[in-house]
Amino acid sequence: MNNDIVNGFDDEKDDSLKIKLQQVNEVEGCLVLYLTGYIDTYNSNYFQKRVQKAIEAGFIRLVFQCNGLNYVSSTGIGSFTAFLKSVKPRGGDLVLLEIQPKVYEVFQLLGFSQFFNIKDNLEDSVSFFKTGKTTESVSLFPKVFSCPICSKKLKALKSGRFRCSECKTILAIDNGGQVFLG
């Protein structure tokens, strides 16, 4: 099925990382890549070659659906940076979608969280590409979200650290609106 979208995409397989493609018809050159598994030093080359095939096929607006991605090493994050460098000069961009908290922490620790457009759902990702706006021009605050511990609905007026009013867990929210234990 992936080969129908990007010729030769499935010529190579790796059980540690499965990639499913979905074309977004309402945005030119837009592709959703559903990632399942993990990205580390050993399979990042495989990951880069697969995605590079998609970029060479004209897909320069990439949405990486990361909710099935349970681990990314610093080498894996380097892959995302390489994709960004590859699509930006062509007028493209990439969005990371539904990153698991432990994976997002790696992005943050390495200081990469501010370079990537991080969205909560596919609709936001597609409209990001439709309007062509960068995350900086859209204010995320006030942001309403659920506490990751007790699920209480909370509202953050700005980025920073604060306590959940219900379970007293210390939380942090960054400029991108991502919430994590702080």
Protein backbone atom coordinates (compact mmCIF):
# COMPACT_ATOMS: atom_id res chain seq x y z
CA MET A 1 0.00 0.00 0.00
CA ASN A 2 2.84 2.43 0.85
CA ASN A 3 4.39 1.70 -2.56
CA ASP A 4 1.26 3.14 -4.21
CA ILE A 5 2.01 6.53 -2.57
CA VAL A 6 5.82 6.49 -2.73
CA ASN A 7 7.34 4.15 -5.30
CA GLY A 8 9.66 1.58 -3.68
CA PHE A 9 8.90 2.73 -0.12
CA ASP A 10 8.36 -0.79 1.20
CA ASP A 11 11.36 -2.35 -0.57
CA GLU A 12 13.10 -2.48 2.80
CA LYS A 13 11.49 -3.45 6.11
CA ASP A 14 12.57 -3.26 9.73
CA ASP A 15 10.50 -4.85 12.50
CA SER A 16 11.72 -2.35 15.09
CA LEU A 17 10.06 0.55 13.22
CA LYS A 18 6.92 0.26 11.12
CA ILE A 19 5.93 3.19 8.91
CA LYS A 20 2.49 3.53 7.33
CA LEU A 21 1.85 6.32 4.83
CA GLN A 22 -1.31 8.33 4.23
CA GLN A 23 -1.56 11.04 1.63
CA VAL A 24 -3.39 14.26 2.59
CA ASN A 25 -5.25 15.22 -0.58
CA GLU A 26 -6.33 18.73 0.46
CA VAL A 27 -2.72 19.91 0.92
CA GLU A 28 -0.23 19.61 -1.94
CA GLY A 29 2.82 17.47 -1.13
CA CYS A 30 1.48 16.53 2.32
CA LEU A 31 2.07 13.10 3.77
CA VAL A 32 1.26 11.55 7.16
CA LEU A 33 3.77 8.96 8.37
CA TYR A 34 2.42 6.72 11.13
CA LEU A 35 5.42 5.55 13.17
CA THR A 36 5.19 2.44 15.35
CA GLY A 37 8.09 1.11 17.38
CA TYR A 38 11.28 2.97 18.16
CA ILE A 39 14.12 4.88 16.49
CA ASP A 40 17.66 4.28 17.70
CA THR A 41 21.23 4.25 16.41
CA TYR A 42 20.70 0.90 14.66
CA ASN A 43 17.57 1.67 12.66
CA SER A 44 17.84 5.44 12.17
CA ASN A 45 19.60 4.96 8.83
CA TYR A 46 16.68 2.79 7.65
CA PHE A 47 14.25 5.48 8.89
CA GLN A 48 16.16 8.25 7.08
CA LYS A 49 16.31 6.34 3.79
CA ARG A 50 12.56 5.61 3.83
CA VAL A 51 11.58 9.23 4.58
CA GLN A 52 14.13 10.61 2.11
CA LYS A 53 12.36 8.51 -0.59
CA ALA A 54 9.10 10.28 0.29
CA ILE A 55 10.79 13.71 0.15
CA GLU A 56 12.34 12.90 -3.24
CA ALA A 57 8.87 11.85 -4.45
CA GLY A 58 7.73 15.45 -3.77
CA PHE A 59 6.33 15.14 -0.27
CA ILE A 60 7.73 18.20 1.50
CA ARG A 61 4.96 18.72 4.06
CA LEU A 62 5.42 15.82 6.47
CA VAL A 63 3.29 14.95 9.48
CA PHE A 64 4.89 12.35 11.73
CA GLN A 65 2.21 10.61 13.80
CA CYS A 66 4.29 9.67 16.86
CA ASN A 67 1.73 8.16 19.25
CA GLY A 68 3.01 4.64 18.42
CA LEU A 69 6.62 5.70 18.85
CA ASN A 70 7.78 4.60 22.30
CA TYR A 71 11.48 5.52 22.12
CA VAL A 72 13.67 7.91 20.15
CA SER A 73 17.43 8.16 20.72
CA SER A 74 19.43 11.30 20.05
CA THR A 75 20.36 9.75 16.68
CA GLY A 76 16.65 9.43 15.90
CA ILE A 77 16.09 13.07 16.74
CA GLY A 78 18.99 13.86 14.42
CA SER A 79 16.96 12.15 11.66
CA PHE A 80 14.04 14.53 12.19
CA THR A 81 16.47 17.46 12.05
CA ALA A 82 17.86 16.14 8.76
CA PHE A 83 14.32 15.94 7.31
CA LEU A 84 13.65 19.52 8.38
CA LYS A 85 16.86 20.67 6.65
CA SER A 86 15.82 18.74 3.56
CA VAL A 87 12.25 20.09 3.21
CA LYS A 88 12.68 23.72 4.40
CA PRO A 89 14.60 24.93 1.30
CA ARG A 90 11.85 23.38 -0.86
CA GLY A 91 9.15 25.35 0.95
CA GLY A 92 8.14 22.45 3.14
CA ASP A 93 8.02 21.79 6.85
CA LEU A 94 7.27 19.03 9.27
CA VAL A 95 4.91 18.49 12.15
CA LEU A 96 5.27 16.03 14.99
CA LEU A 97 1.97 14.74 16.24
CA GLU A 98 0.95 13.19 19.58
CA ILE A 99 4.47 12.65 20.95
CA GLN A 100 4.52 10.42 24.02
CA PRO A 101 5.79 12.27 27.13
CA LYS A 102 8.95 10.17 27.52
CA VAL A 103 9.85 10.71 23.85
CA TYR A 104 9.11 14.44 24.12
CA GLU A 105 11.47 14.64 27.10
CA VAL A 106 14.35 13.54 24.86
CA PHE A 107 13.48 16.32 22.39
CA GLN A 108 13.48 18.78 25.27
CA LEU A 109 16.66 17.58 26.92
CA LEU A 110 18.49 17.98 23.63
CA GLY A 111 16.94 21.42 23.12
CA PHE A 112 15.08 20.48 19.95
CA SER A 113 11.50 20.96 21.12
CA GLN A 114 11.41 24.59 19.93
CA PHE A 115 12.58 23.72 16.39
CA PHE A 116 9.67 21.47 15.59
CA ASN A 117 6.00 22.16 15.08
CA ILE A 118 4.31 19.93 17.63
CA LYS A 119 0.55 19.43 17.34
CA ASP A 120 -2.07 17.50 19.28
CA ASN A 121 -4.15 16.24 16.36
CA LEU A 122 -4.20 15.70 12.60
CA GLU A 123 -6.68 18.54 11.92
CA ASP A 124 -4.30 21.07 13.52
CA SER A 125 -1.42 19.66 11.47
CA VAL A 126 -3.31 19.89 8.18
CA SER A 127 -4.56 23.41 8.90
CA PHE A 128 -0.98 24.41 9.81
CA PHE A 129 0.05 23.46 6.27
CA LYS A 130 -3.07 25.02 4.72
CA THR A 131 -2.46 28.41 6.34
CA GLY A 132 1.32 28.13 6.16
CA LYS A 133 1.64 29.72 9.59
CA THR A 134 4.52 28.88 11.84
CA THR A 135 3.89 28.05 15.46
CA GLU A 136 5.36 31.36 16.61
CA SER A 137 2.56 33.38 15.02
CA VAL A 138 -0.21 31.42 16.74
CA SER A 139 -0.68 31.96 20.45
CA LEU A 140 -1.30 28.70 22.29
CA PHE A 141 -2.26 30.35 25.55
CA PRO A 142 -4.45 30.20 27.45
CA LYS A 143 -4.30 26.43 26.95
CA VAL A 144 -6.77 23.98 28.47
CA PHE A 145 -5.43 20.45 29.03
CA SER A 146 -5.84 17.43 31.30
CA CYS A 147 -3.47 16.67 34.16
CA PRO A 148 -1.42 13.62 33.06
CA ILE A 149 -1.79 12.13 36.57
CA CYS A 150 -5.40 12.71 37.70
CA SER A 151 -6.98 13.91 34.40
CA LYS A 152 -8.40 17.09 35.95
CA LYS A 153 -9.01 19.81 33.36
CA LEU A 154 -6.49 22.60 33.91
CA LYS A 155 -5.86 25.95 32.26
CA ALA A 156 -2.42 27.47 31.72
CA LEU A 157 -2.24 31.19 30.96
CA LYS A 158 1.44 31.02 29.97
CA SER A 159 4.36 28.60 29.82
CA GLY A 160 6.10 27.65 33.06
CA ARG A 161 5.77 25.37 36.09
CA PHE A 162 2.72 25.00 38.30
CA ARG A 163 0.80 22.56 40.49
CA CYS A 164 -2.31 20.62 39.58
CA SER A 165 -5.12 22.01 41.75
CA GLU A 166 -6.47 18.49 42.28
CA CYS A 167 -3.57 16.07 42.89
CA LYS A 168 -0.84 18.68 43.59
CA THR A 169 1.54 17.16 40.99
CA ILE A 170 4.11 19.64 39.74
CA LEU A 171 3.65 20.14 36.00
CA ALA A 172 5.44 22.19 33.41
CA ILE A 173 4.19 23.56 30.11
CA ASP A 174 6.56 24.84 27.46
CA ASN A 175 6.13 27.56 24.83
CA GLY A 176 4.87 24.92 22.40
CA GLY A 177 2.03 24.02 24.77
CA GLN A 178 3.44 20.58 25.60
CA VAL A 179 2.74 19.44 29.14
CA PHE A 180 5.10 17.21 31.11
CA LEU A 181 5.93 16.34 34.68
CA GLY A 182 8.07 19.13 36.06
